[in-house]
Amino acid sequence: MQSIFTNFKQNLQRKVLLLAAIALLLVSGLFVSEPSYAATPNQKLIQQEQMDKNSQVGTVDVEQREQAYEEQVEASKDIDKTYEDNLKEFKKSHPDENIVNKAVEGAKEAVEKVTK
């Protein structure tokens, strides 16, 4: 009979300690507070306003993207010509870049004259 009371007393002490630990955690949680969202605007409202602004500007962006896409489709039809045009533009904007490139160009022109 004595051992039953001892076991009951030990179980009761464990439960009381467990409840005390849980209560301590709950009380400590009261001191750690989340930031107050009442002072800041609602995030969904901000996102909605941004979406409205983007939808107004979006029509211009879509047209520009479509035009750029069409230009790229046109350019992809004749890749070599586009490359040569871009290379000529680059060389015009950077005339004194490299003497070796000028020598290579001269060699290319000589090869083209010979092969024609």
PDB file of N, CA and C in Angstrom:
ATOM      1  N   MET A   1       0.817  -1.185   0.000  1.00  0.00           N
ATOM      2  CA  MET A   1       0.000   0.000   0.000  1.00  0.00           C
ATOM      3  C   MET A   1       0.866   1.257   0.000  1.00  0.00           C
ATOM      4  N   GLN A   2       1.951   1.177   0.763  1.00  0.00           N
ATOM      5  CA  GLN A   2       2.864   2.308   0.827  1.00  0.00           C
ATOM      6  C   GLN A   2       3.465   2.613  -0.543  1.00  0.00           C
ATOM      7  N   SER A   3       3.801   1.574  -1.335  1.00  0.00           N
ATOM      8  CA  SER A   3       4.409   1.769  -2.660  1.00  0.00           C
ATOM      9  C   SER A   3       3.414   2.404  -3.642  1.00  0.00           C
ATOM     10  N   ILE A   4       2.141   2.110  -3.486  1.00  0.00           N
ATOM     11  CA  ILE A   4       1.120   2.706  -4.350  1.00  0.00           C
ATOM     12  C   ILE A   4       1.059   4.208  -4.109  1.00  0.00           C
ATOM     13  N   PHE A   5       1.068   4.604  -2.852  1.00  0.00           N
ATOM     14  CA  PHE A   5       1.040   6.036  -2.543  1.00  0.00           C
ATOM     15  C   PHE A   5       2.305   6.735  -3.025  1.00  0.00           C
ATOM     16  N   THR A   6       3.439   6.064  -2.916  1.00  0.00           N
ATOM     17  CA  THR A   6       4.706   6.637  -3.375  1.00  0.00           C
ATOM     18  C   THR A   6       4.683   6.844  -4.890  1.00  0.00           C
ATOM     19  N   ASN A   7       4.194   5.821  -5.606  1.00  0.00           N
ATOM     20  CA  ASN A   7       4.080   5.950  -7.067  1.00  0.00           C
ATOM     21  C   ASN A   7       3.091   7.055  -7.448  1.00  0.00           C
ATOM     22  N   PHE A   8       1.969   7.114  -6.743  1.00  0.00           N
ATOM     23  CA  PHE A   8       0.974   8.146  -7.012  1.00  0.00           C
ATOM     24  C   PHE A   8       1.552   9.541  -6.752  1.00  0.00           C
ATOM     25  N   LYS A   9       2.307   9.659  -5.659  1.00  0.00           N
ATOM     26  CA  LYS A   9       2.917  10.942  -5.316  1.00  0.00           C
ATOM     27  C   LYS A   9       3.937  11.363  -6.387  1.00  0.00           C
ATOM     28  N   GLN A  10       4.760  10.418  -6.872  1.00  0.00           N
ATOM     29  CA  GLN A  10       5.755  10.724  -7.897  1.00  0.00           C
ATOM     30  C   GLN A  10       5.071  11.129  -9.212  1.00  0.00           C
ATOM     31  N   ASN A  11       4.031  10.409  -9.605  1.00  0.00           N
ATOM     32  CA  ASN A  11       3.295  10.756 -10.821  1.00  0.00           C
ATOM     33  C   ASN A  11       2.644  12.135 -10.701  1.00  0.00           C
ATOM     34  N   LEU A  12       2.106  12.432  -9.526  1.00  0.00           N
ATOM     35  CA  LEU A  12       1.486  13.729  -9.305  1.00  0.00           C
ATOM     36  C   LEU A  12       2.529  14.850  -9.382  1.00  0.00           C
ATOM     37  N   GLN A  13       3.703  14.622  -8.805  1.00  0.00           N
ATOM     38  CA  GLN A  13       4.762  15.616  -8.865  1.00  0.00           C
ATOM     39  C   GLN A  13       5.210  15.854 -10.315  1.00  0.00           C
ATOM     40  N   ARG A  14       5.338  14.807 -11.106  1.00  0.00           N
ATOM     41  CA  ARG A  14       5.738  14.943 -12.514  1.00  0.00           C
ATOM     42  C   ARG A  14       4.698  15.752 -13.289  1.00  0.00           C
ATOM     43  N   LYS A  15       3.436  15.452 -13.037  1.00  0.00           N
ATOM     44  CA  LYS A  15       2.372  16.170 -13.742  1.00  0.00           C
ATOM     45  C   LYS A  15       2.351  17.646 -13.352  1.00  0.00           C
ATOM     46  N   VAL A  16       2.546  17.940 -12.075  1.00  0.00           N
ATOM     47  CA  VAL A  16       2.563  19.319 -11.602  1.00  0.00           C
ATOM     48  C   VAL A  16       3.761  20.054 -12.219  1.00  0.00           C
ATOM     49  N   LEU A  17       4.915  19.415 -12.267  1.00  0.00           N
ATOM     50  CA  LEU A  17       6.089  20.021 -12.887  1.00  0.00           C
ATOM     51  C   LEU A  17       5.851  20.273 -14.383  1.00  0.00           C
ATOM     52  N   LEU A  18       5.224  19.338 -15.034  1.00  0.00           N
ATOM     53  CA  LEU A  18       4.930  19.493 -16.453  1.00  0.00           C
ATOM     54  C   LEU A  18       3.969  20.651 -16.687  1.00  0.00           C
ATOM     55  N   LEU A  19       2.922  20.734 -15.865  1.00  0.00           N
ATOM     56  CA  LEU A  19       1.979  21.842 -15.979  1.00  0.00           C
ATOM     57  C   LEU A  19       2.648  23.181 -15.669  1.00  0.00           C
ATOM     58  N   ALA A  20       3.552  23.189 -14.718  1.00  0.00           N
ATOM     59  CA  ALA A  20       4.266  24.421 -14.378  1.00  0.00           C
ATOM     60  C   ALA A  20       5.155  24.853 -15.540  1.00  0.00           C
ATOM     61  N   ALA A  21       5.814  23.897 -16.191  1.00  0.00           N
ATOM     62  CA  ALA A  21       6.667  24.227 -17.333  1.00  0.00           C
ATOM     63  C   ALA A  21       5.836  24.772 -18.491  1.00  0.00           C
ATOM     64  N   ILE A  22       4.687  24.165 -18.748  1.00  0.00           N
ATOM     65  CA  ILE A  22       3.807  24.638 -19.815  1.00  0.00           C
ATOM     66  C   ILE A  22       3.300  26.040 -19.501  1.00  0.00           C
ATOM     67  N   ALA A  23       2.919  26.262 -18.251  1.00  0.00           N
ATOM     68  CA  ALA A  23       2.440  27.598 -17.844  1.00  0.00           C
ATOM     69  C   ALA A  23       3.548  28.631 -17.999  1.00  0.00           C
ATOM     70  N   LEU A  24       4.775  28.274 -17.654  1.00  0.00           N
ATOM     71  CA  LEU A  24       5.903  29.185 -17.807  1.00  0.00           C
ATOM     72  C   LEU A  24       6.126  29.532 -19.276  1.00  0.00           C
ATOM     73  N   LEU A  25       6.033  28.547 -20.151  1.00  0.00           N
ATOM     74  CA  LEU A  25       6.175  28.802 -21.586  1.00  0.00           C
ATOM     75  C   LEU A  25       5.072  29.718 -22.100  1.00  0.00           C
ATOM     76  N   LEU A  26       3.853  29.498 -21.653  1.00  0.00           N
ATOM     77  CA  LEU A  26       2.747  30.341 -22.088  1.00  0.00           C
ATOM     78  C   LEU A  26       2.910  31.776 -21.602  1.00  0.00           C
ATOM     79  N   VAL A  27       3.334  31.937 -20.373  1.00  0.00           N
ATOM     80  CA  VAL A  27       3.526  33.277 -19.828  1.00  0.00           C
ATOM     81  C   VAL A  27       4.683  33.977 -20.539  1.00  0.00           C
ATOM     82  N   SER A  28       5.743  33.261 -20.830  1.00  0.00           N
ATOM     83  CA  SER A  28       6.873  33.883 -21.530  1.00  0.00           C
ATOM     84  C   SER A  28       6.476  34.259 -22.957  1.00  0.00           C
ATOM     85  N   GLY A  29       5.528  33.550 -23.532  1.00  0.00           N
ATOM     86  CA  GLY A  29       5.034  33.884 -24.864  1.00  0.00           C
ATOM     87  C   GLY A  29       4.281  35.197 -24.902  1.00  0.00           C
ATOM     88  N   LEU A  30       3.750  35.603 -23.782  1.00  0.00           N
ATOM     89  CA  LEU A  30       3.043  36.877 -23.723  1.00  0.00           C
ATOM     90  C   LEU A  30       3.991  38.057 -23.865  1.00  0.00           C
ATOM     91  N   PHE A  31       5.214  37.881 -23.405  1.00  0.00           N
ATOM     92  CA  PHE A  31       6.184  38.972 -23.471  1.00  0.00           C
ATOM     93  C   PHE A  31       6.830  39.101 -24.848  1.00  0.00           C
ATOM     94  N   VAL A  32       6.821  38.033 -25.592  1.00  0.00           N
ATOM     95  CA  VAL A  32       7.347  38.082 -26.959  1.00  0.00           C
ATOM     96  C   VAL A  32       6.157  38.365 -27.866  1.00  0.00           C
ATOM     97  N   SER A  33       6.129  39.558 -28.413  1.00  0.00           N
ATOM     98  CA  SER A  33       4.951  39.934 -29.194  1.00  0.00           C
ATOM     99  C   SER A  33       5.323  40.114 -30.658  1.00  0.00           C
ATOM    100  N   GLU A  34       4.377  39.900 -31.497  1.00  0.00           N
ATOM    101  CA  GLU A  34       4.516  40.117 -32.934  1.00  0.00           C
ATOM    102  C   GLU A  34       4.409  41.610 -33.220  1.00  0.00           C
ATOM    103  N   PRO A  35       4.978  42.066 -34.326  1.00  0.00           N
ATOM    104  CA  PRO A  35       4.813  43.482 -34.668  1.00  0.00           C
ATOM    105  C   PRO A  35       3.349  43.791 -34.962  1.00  0.00           C
ATOM    106  N   SER A  36       2.971  44.988 -34.669  1.00  0.00           N
ATOM    107  CA  SER A  36       1.591  45.381 -34.855  1.00  0.00           C
ATOM    108  C   SER A  36       1.335  45.694 -36.329  1.00  0.00           C
ATOM    109  N   TYR A  37       0.436  44.980 -36.921  1.00  0.00           N
ATOM    110  CA  TYR A  37       0.093  45.216 -38.315  1.00  0.00           C
ATOM    111  C   TYR A  37      -1.001  46.272 -38.463  1.00  0.00           C
ATOM    112  N   ALA A  38      -1.520  46.734 -37.370  1.00  0.00           N
ATOM    113  CA  ALA A  38      -2.575  47.737 -37.435  1.00  0.00           C
ATOM    114  C   ALA A  38      -2.025  49.075 -37.916  1.00  0.00           C
ATOM    115  N   ALA A  39      -0.750  49.339 -37.656  1.00  0.00           N
ATOM    116  CA  ALA A  39      -0.159  50.615 -38.039  1.00  0.00           C
ATOM    117  C   ALA A  39       0.292  50.628 -39.497  1.00  0.00           C
ATOM    118  N   THR A  40       0.437  49.456 -40.111  1.00  0.00           N
ATOM    119  CA  THR A  40       0.907  49.378 -41.496  1.00  0.00           C
ATOM    120  C   THR A  40      -0.272  49.080 -42.412  1.00  0.00           C
ATOM    121  N   PRO A  41      -0.204  49.522 -43.673  1.00  0.00           N
ATOM    122  CA  PRO A  41      -1.286  49.229 -44.613  1.00  0.00           C
ATOM    123  C   PRO A  41      -1.374  47.732 -44.893  1.00  0.00           C
ATOM    124  N   ASN A  42      -2.518  47.333 -45.291  1.00  0.00           N
ATOM    125  CA  ASN A  42      -2.753  45.936 -45.581  1.00  0.00           C
ATOM    126  C   ASN A  42      -1.928  45.524 -46.799  1.00  0.00           C
ATOM    127  N   GLN A  43      -1.210  44.430 -46.695  1.00  0.00           N
ATOM    128  CA  GLN A  43      -0.351  43.968 -47.780  1.00  0.00           C
ATOM    129  C   GLN A  43      -1.162  43.641 -49.032  1.00  0.00           C
ATOM    130  N   LYS A  44      -2.320  43.086 -48.859  1.00  0.00           N
ATOM    131  CA  LYS A  44      -3.141  42.753 -50.028  1.00  0.00           C
ATOM    132  C   LYS A  44      -3.575  44.007 -50.764  1.00  0.00           C
ATOM    133  N   LEU A  45      -3.856  45.061 -50.020  1.00  0.00           N
ATOM    134  CA  LEU A  45      -4.239  46.318 -50.639  1.00  0.00           C
ATOM    135  C   LEU A  45      -3.072  46.897 -51.437  1.00  0.00           C
ATOM    136  N   ILE A  46      -1.884  46.822 -50.881  1.00  0.00           N
ATOM    137  CA  ILE A  46      -0.696  47.313 -51.575  1.00  0.00           C
ATOM    138  C   ILE A  46      -0.461  46.508 -52.848  1.00  0.00           C
ATOM    139  N   GLN A  47      -0.575  45.194 -52.746  1.00  0.00           N
ATOM    140  CA  GLN A  47      -0.379  44.345 -53.917  1.00  0.00           C
ATOM    141  C   GLN A  47      -1.428  44.642 -54.981  1.00  0.00           C
ATOM    142  N   GLN A  48      -2.656  44.878 -54.571  1.00  0.00           N
ATOM    143  CA  GLN A  48      -3.719  45.185 -55.520  1.00  0.00           C
ATOM    144  C   GLN A  48      -3.430  46.495 -56.248  1.00  0.00           C
ATOM    145  N   GLU A  49      -2.950  47.503 -55.511  1.00  0.00           N
ATOM    146  CA  GLU A  49      -2.617  48.776 -56.139  1.00  0.00           C
ATOM    147  C   GLU A  49      -1.472  48.617 -57.129  1.00  0.00           C
ATOM    148  N   GLN A  50      -0.486  47.818 -56.772  1.00  0.00           N
ATOM    149  CA  GLN A  50       0.633  47.585 -57.676  1.00  0.00           C
ATOM    150  C   GLN A  50       0.171  46.862 -58.937  1.00  0.00           C
ATOM    151  N   MET A  51      -0.735  45.922 -58.780  1.00  0.00           N
ATOM    152  CA  MET A  51      -1.251  45.189 -59.940  1.00  0.00           C
ATOM    153  C   MET A  51      -2.037  46.132 -60.845  1.00  0.00           C
ATOM    154  N   ASP A  52      -2.800  47.062 -60.250  1.00  0.00           N
ATOM    155  CA  ASP A  52      -3.548  48.031 -61.045  1.00  0.00           C
ATOM    156  C   ASP A  52      -2.599  48.923 -61.840  1.00  0.00           C
ATOM    157  N   LYS A  53      -1.529  49.379 -61.199  1.00  0.00           N
ATOM    158  CA  LYS A  53      -0.555  50.215 -61.901  1.00  0.00           C
ATOM    159  C   LYS A  53       0.118  49.436 -63.018  1.00  0.00           C
ATOM    160  N   ASN A  54       0.450  48.181 -62.736  1.00  0.00           N
ATOM    161  CA  ASN A  54       1.106  47.353 -63.750  1.00  0.00           C
ATOM    162  C   ASN A  54       0.178  47.050 -64.912  1.00  0.00           C
ATOM    163  N   SER A  55      -1.106  46.909 -64.647  1.00  0.00           N
ATOM    164  CA  SER A  55      -2.036  46.617 -65.739  1.00  0.00           C
ATOM    165  C   SER A  55      -2.198  47.819 -66.644  1.00  0.00           C
ATOM    166  N   GLN A  56      -2.092  49.026 -66.093  1.00  0.00           N
ATOM    167  CA  GLN A  56      -2.178  50.228 -66.921  1.00  0.00           C
ATOM    168  C   GLN A  56      -0.942  50.368 -67.787  1.00  0.00           C
ATOM    169  N   VAL A  57       0.210  50.100 -67.234  1.00  0.00           N
ATOM    170  CA  VAL A  57       1.456  50.201 -67.976  1.00  0.00           C
ATOM    171  C   VAL A  57       1.651  48.955 -68.834  1.00  0.00           C
ATOM    172  N   GLY A  58       1.012  47.871 -68.486  1.00  0.00           N
ATOM    173  CA  GLY A  58       1.210  46.590 -69.150  1.00  0.00           C
ATOM    174  C   GLY A  58       0.846  46.581 -70.611  1.00  0.00           C
ATOM    175  N   THR A  59      -0.116  47.381 -71.037  1.00  0.00           N
ATOM    176  CA  THR A  59      -0.513  47.364 -72.442  1.00  0.00           C
ATOM    177  C   THR A  59       0.617  47.864 -73.322  1.00  0.00           C
ATOM    178  N   VAL A  60       1.338  48.863 -72.867  1.00  0.00           N
ATOM    179  CA  VAL A  60       2.469  49.374 -73.633  1.00  0.00           C
ATOM    180  C   VAL A  60       3.576  48.328 -73.659  1.00  0.00           C
ATOM    181  N   ASP A  61       3.811  47.681 -72.532  1.00  0.00           N
ATOM    182  CA  ASP A  61       4.847  46.669 -72.464  1.00  0.00           C
ATOM    183  C   ASP A  61       4.549  45.507 -73.392  1.00  0.00           C
ATOM    184  N   VAL A  62       3.302  45.114 -73.469  1.00  0.00           N
ATOM    185  CA  VAL A  62       2.923  43.991 -74.320  1.00  0.00           C
ATOM    186  C   VAL A  62       3.178  44.340 -75.783  1.00  0.00           C
ATOM    187  N   GLU A  63       2.833  45.549 -76.177  1.00  0.00           N
ATOM    188  CA  GLU A  63       3.055  45.963 -77.563  1.00  0.00           C
ATOM    189  C   GLU A  63       4.547  46.004 -77.881  1.00  0.00           C
ATOM    190  N   GLN A  64       5.336  46.506 -76.967  1.00  0.00           N
ATOM    191  CA  GLN A  64       6.776  46.554 -77.177  1.00  0.00           C
ATOM    192  C   GLN A  64       7.363  45.157 -77.249  1.00  0.00           C
ATOM    193  N   ARG A  65       6.888  44.272 -76.397  1.00  0.00           N
ATOM    194  CA  ARG A  65       7.386  42.902 -76.435  1.00  0.00           C
ATOM    195  C   ARG A  65       7.021  42.212 -77.732  1.00  0.00           C
ATOM    196  N   GLU A  66       5.787  42.431 -78.191  1.00  0.00           N
ATOM    197  CA  GLU A  66       5.373  41.822 -79.449  1.00  0.00           C
ATOM    198  C   GLU A  66       6.206  42.350 -80.613  1.00  0.00           C
ATOM    199  N   GLN A  67       6.472  43.645 -80.611  1.00  0.00           N
ATOM    200  CA  GLN A  67       7.277  44.234 -81.676  1.00  0.00           C
ATOM    201  C   GLN A  67       8.704  43.685 -81.620  1.00  0.00           C
ATOM    202  N   ALA A  68       9.273  43.585 -80.440  1.00  0.00           N
ATOM    203  CA  ALA A  68      10.621  43.032 -80.301  1.00  0.00           C
ATOM    204  C   ALA A  68      10.653  41.573 -80.744  1.00  0.00           C
ATOM    205  N   TYR A  69       9.602  40.837 -80.431  1.00  0.00           N
ATOM    206  CA  TYR A  69       9.529  39.439 -80.850  1.00  0.00           C
ATOM    207  C   TYR A  69       9.497  39.335 -82.371  1.00  0.00           C
ATOM    208  N   GLU A  70       8.687  40.169 -82.994  1.00  0.00           N
ATOM    209  CA  GLU A  70       8.597  40.155 -84.456  1.00  0.00           C
ATOM    210  C   GLU A  70       9.949  40.499 -85.083  1.00  0.00           C
ATOM    211  N   GLU A  71      10.659  41.468 -84.499  1.00  0.00           N
ATOM    212  CA  GLU A  71      11.974  41.823 -85.012  1.00  0.00           C
ATOM    213  C   GLU A  71      12.946  40.652 -84.892  1.00  0.00           C
ATOM    214  N   GLN A  72      12.871  39.941 -83.789  1.00  0.00           N
ATOM    215  CA  GLN A  72      13.761  38.792 -83.616  1.00  0.00           C
ATOM    216  C   GLN A  72      13.416  37.656 -84.568  1.00  0.00           C
ATOM    217  N   VAL A  73      12.135  37.479 -84.848  1.00  0.00           N
ATOM    218  CA  VAL A  73      11.729  36.451 -85.809  1.00  0.00           C
ATOM    219  C   VAL A  73      12.261  36.803 -87.193  1.00  0.00           C
ATOM    220  N   GLU A  74      12.159  38.083 -87.552  1.00  0.00           N
ATOM    221  CA  GLU A  74      12.683  38.534 -88.841  1.00  0.00           C
ATOM    222  C   GLU A  74      14.195  38.330 -88.895  1.00  0.00           C
ATOM    223  N   ALA A  75      14.872  38.673 -87.804  1.00  0.00           N
ATOM    224  CA  ALA A  75      16.323  38.551 -87.771  1.00  0.00           C
ATOM    225  C   ALA A  75      16.768  37.102 -87.819  1.00  0.00           C
ATOM    226  N   SER A  76      15.982  36.213 -87.240  1.00  0.00           N
ATOM    227  CA  SER A  76      16.377  34.803 -87.214  1.00  0.00           C
ATOM    228  C   SER A  76      16.230  34.134 -88.575  1.00  0.00           C
ATOM    229  N   LYS A  77      15.512  34.756 -89.499  1.00  0.00           N
ATOM    230  CA  LYS A  77      15.361  34.167 -90.833  1.00  0.00           C
ATOM    231  C   LYS A  77      16.675  34.212 -91.598  1.00  0.00           C
ATOM    232  N   ASP A  78      17.455  35.280 -91.417  1.00  0.00           N
ATOM    233  CA  ASP A  78      18.741  35.392 -92.093  1.00  0.00           C
ATOM    234  C   ASP A  78      19.798  35.750 -91.050  1.00  0.00           C
ATOM    235  N   ILE A  79      20.290  34.739 -90.368  1.00  0.00           N
ATOM    236  CA  ILE A  79      21.205  34.934 -89.260  1.00  0.00           C
ATOM    237  C   ILE A  79      22.538  35.518 -89.727  1.00  0.00           C
ATOM    238  N   ASP A  80      23.047  35.010 -90.844  1.00  0.00           N
ATOM    239  CA  ASP A  80      24.347  35.484 -91.326  1.00  0.00           C
ATOM    240  C   ASP A  80      24.311  36.965 -91.664  1.00  0.00           C
ATOM    241  N   LYS A  81      23.239  37.383 -92.327  1.00  0.00           N
ATOM    242  CA  LYS A  81      23.117  38.797 -92.696  1.00  0.00           C
ATOM    243  C   LYS A  81      23.018  39.669 -91.447  1.00  0.00           C
ATOM    244  N   THR A  82      22.252  39.225 -90.487  1.00  0.00           N
ATOM    245  CA  THR A  82      22.108  39.972 -89.241  1.00  0.00           C
ATOM    246  C   THR A  82      23.448  40.079 -88.526  1.00  0.00           C
ATOM    247  N   TYR A  83      24.184  38.970 -88.516  1.00  0.00           N
ATOM    248  CA  TYR A  83      25.498  38.974 -87.873  1.00  0.00           C
ATOM    249  C   TYR A  83      26.428  39.969 -88.563  1.00  0.00           C
ATOM    250  N   GLU A  84      26.458  39.932 -89.889  1.00  0.00           N
ATOM    251  CA  GLU A  84      27.326  40.844 -90.635  1.00  0.00           C
ATOM    252  C   GLU A  84      26.933  42.301 -90.389  1.00  0.00           C
ATOM    253  N   ASP A  85      25.636  42.586 -90.369  1.00  0.00           N
ATOM    254  CA  ASP A  85      25.176  43.956 -90.114  1.00  0.00           C
ATOM    255  C   ASP A  85      25.596  44.419 -88.722  1.00  0.00           C
ATOM    256  N   ASN A  86      25.406  43.555 -87.739  1.00  0.00           N
ATOM    257  CA  ASN A  86      25.790  43.901 -86.372  1.00  0.00           C
ATOM    258  C   ASN A  86      27.304  44.098 -86.257  1.00  0.00           C
ATOM    259  N   LEU A  87      28.053  43.266 -86.959  1.00  0.00           N
ATOM    260  CA  LEU A  87      29.506  43.377 -86.933  1.00  0.00           C
ATOM    261  C   LEU A  87      29.955  44.683 -87.568  1.00  0.00           C
ATOM    262  N   LYS A  88      29.332  45.062 -88.683  1.00  0.00           N
ATOM    263  CA  LYS A  88      29.685  46.329 -89.338  1.00  0.00           C
ATOM    264  C   LYS A  88      29.370  47.514 -88.434  1.00  0.00           C
ATOM    265  N   GLU A  89      28.207  47.469 -87.767  1.00  0.00           N
ATOM    266  CA  GLU A  89      27.842  48.552 -86.843  1.00  0.00           C
ATOM    267  C   GLU A  89      28.837  48.646 -85.694  1.00  0.00           C
ATOM    268  N   PHE A  90      29.244  47.495 -85.187  1.00  0.00           N
ATOM    269  CA  PHE A  90      30.205  47.486 -84.087  1.00  0.00           C
ATOM    270  C   PHE A  90      31.537  48.065 -84.532  1.00  0.00           C
ATOM    271  N   LYS A  91      31.957  47.694 -85.716  1.00  0.00           N
ATOM    272  CA  LYS A  91      33.250  48.176 -86.212  1.00  0.00           C
ATOM    273  C   LYS A  91      33.208  49.669 -86.493  1.00  0.00           C
ATOM    274  N   LYS A  92      32.054  50.181 -86.935  1.00  0.00           N
ATOM    275  CA  LYS A  92      31.925  51.624 -87.149  1.00  0.00           C
ATOM    276  C   LYS A  92      31.997  52.373 -85.821  1.00  0.00           C
ATOM    277  N   SER A  93      31.402  51.814 -84.781  1.00  0.00           N
ATOM    278  CA  SER A  93      31.397  52.493 -83.490  1.00  0.00           C
ATOM    279  C   SER A  93      32.722  52.312 -82.745  1.00  0.00           C
ATOM    280  N   HIS A  94      33.510  51.289 -83.107  1.00  0.00           N
ATOM    281  CA  HIS A  94      34.810  51.039 -82.468  1.00  0.00           C
ATOM    282  C   HIS A  94      35.870  50.878 -83.565  1.00  0.00           C
ATOM    283  N   PRO A  95      36.270  51.959 -84.215  1.00  0.00           N
ATOM    284  CA  PRO A  95      37.156  51.834 -85.372  1.00  0.00           C
ATOM    285  C   PRO A  95      38.591  51.428 -85.020  1.00  0.00           C
ATOM    286  N   ASP A  96      39.107  51.824 -83.895  1.00  0.00           N
ATOM    287  CA  ASP A  96      40.507  51.536 -83.577  1.00  0.00           C
ATOM    288  C   ASP A  96      40.644  50.413 -82.556  1.00  0.00           C
ATOM    289  N   GLU A  97      39.798  49.428 -82.633  1.00  0.00           N
ATOM    290  CA  GLU A  97      39.812  48.362 -81.639  1.00  0.00           C
ATOM    291  C   GLU A  97      41.040  47.468 -81.781  1.00  0.00           C
ATOM    292  N   ASN A  98      41.235  46.905 -82.977  1.00  0.00           N
ATOM    293  CA  ASN A  98      42.288  45.913 -83.096  1.00  0.00           C
ATOM    294  C   ASN A  98      42.830  45.896 -84.523  1.00  0.00           C
ATOM    295  N   ILE A  99      44.119  45.995 -84.664  1.00  0.00           N
ATOM    296  CA  ILE A  99      44.743  45.962 -85.981  1.00  0.00           C
ATOM    297  C   ILE A  99      44.650  44.557 -86.574  1.00  0.00           C
ATOM    298  N   VAL A 100      44.698  43.546 -85.718  1.00  0.00           N
ATOM    299  CA  VAL A 100      44.623  42.160 -86.194  1.00  0.00           C
ATOM    300  C   VAL A 100      43.289  41.922 -86.891  1.00  0.00           C
ATOM    301  N   ASN A 101      42.211  42.498 -86.350  1.00  0.00           N
ATOM    302  CA  ASN A 101      40.905  42.329 -86.982  1.00  0.00           C
ATOM    303  C   ASN A 101      40.899  42.925 -88.386  1.00  0.00           C
ATOM    304  N   LYS A 102      41.578  44.052 -88.561  1.00  0.00           N
ATOM    305  CA  LYS A 102      41.650  44.656 -89.889  1.00  0.00           C
ATOM    306  C   LYS A 102      42.400  43.746 -90.847  1.00  0.00           C
ATOM    307  N   ALA A 103      43.460  43.114 -90.367  1.00  0.00           N
ATOM    308  CA  ALA A 103      44.215  42.186 -91.205  1.00  0.00           C
ATOM    309  C   ALA A 103      43.371  40.979 -91.575  1.00  0.00           C
ATOM    310  N   VAL A 104      42.595  40.495 -90.626  1.00  0.00           N
ATOM    311  CA  VAL A 104      41.717  39.347 -90.897  1.00  0.00           C
ATOM    312  C   VAL A 104      40.652  39.734 -91.907  1.00  0.00           C
ATOM    313  N   GLU A 105      40.113  40.932 -91.790  1.00  0.00           N
ATOM    314  CA  GLU A 105      39.118  41.394 -92.768  1.00  0.00           C
ATOM    315  C   GLU A 105      39.727  41.456 -94.163  1.00  0.00           C
ATOM    316  N   GLY A 106      40.938  42.001 -94.263  1.00  0.00           N
ATOM    317  CA  GLY A 106      41.615  42.062 -95.554  1.00  0.00           C
ATOM    318  C   GLY A 106      41.820  40.679 -96.136  1.00  0.00           C
ATOM    319  N   ALA A 107      42.171  39.729 -95.289  1.00  0.00           N
ATOM    320  CA  ALA A 107      42.357  38.359 -95.758  1.00  0.00           C
ATOM    321  C   ALA A 107      41.031  37.769 -96.223  1.00  0.00           C
ATOM    322  N   LYS A 108      39.952  38.065 -95.510  1.00  0.00           N
ATOM    323  CA  LYS A 108      38.629  37.565 -95.920  1.00  0.00           C
ATOM    324  C   LYS A 108      38.243  38.147 -97.277  1.00  0.00           C
ATOM    325  N   GLU A 109      38.486  39.423 -97.459  1.00  0.00           N
ATOM    326  CA  GLU A 109      38.146  40.054 -98.741  1.00  0.00           C
ATOM    327  C   GLU A 109      38.982  39.469 -99.868  1.00  0.00           C
ATOM    328  N   ALA A 110      40.243  39.193 -99.585  1.00  0.00           N
ATOM    329  CA  ALA A 110      41.110  38.589-100.606  1.00  0.00           C
ATOM    330  C   ALA A 110      40.633  37.202-100.970  1.00  0.00           C
ATOM    331  N   VAL A 111      40.205  36.439 -99.973  1.00  0.00           N
ATOM    332  CA  VAL A 111      39.690  35.083-100.228  1.00  0.00           C
ATOM    333  C   VAL A 111      38.409  35.155-101.029  1.00  0.00           C
ATOM    334  N   GLU A 112      37.541  36.118-100.698  1.00  0.00           N
ATOM    335  CA  GLU A 112      36.281  36.265-101.443  1.00  0.00           C
ATOM    336  C   GLU A 112      36.555  36.648-102.895  1.00  0.00           C
ATOM    337  N   LYS A 113      37.534  37.525-103.150  1.00  0.00           N
ATOM    338  CA  LYS A 113      37.857  37.912-104.520  1.00  0.00           C
ATOM    339  C   LYS A 113      38.404  36.729-105.296  1.00  0.00           C
ATOM    340  N   VAL A 114      39.237  35.929-104.652  1.00  0.00           N
ATOM    341  CA  VAL A 114      39.826  34.770-105.328  1.00  0.00           C
ATOM    342  C   VAL A 114      38.782  33.696-105.623  1.00  0.00           C
ATOM    343  N   THR A 115      37.857  33.488-104.683  1.00  0.00           N
ATOM    344  CA  THR A 115      36.856  32.409-104.862  1.00  0.00           C
ATOM    345  C   THR A 115      35.737  32.817-105.812  1.00  0.00           C
ATOM    346  N   LYS A 116      35.567  34.097-106.091  1.00  0.00           N
ATOM    347  CA  LYS A 116      34.506  34.521-106.993  1.00  0.00           C
ATOM    348  C   LYS A 116      34.894  34.367-108.381  1.00  0.00           C
TER     349      LYS A 116
END
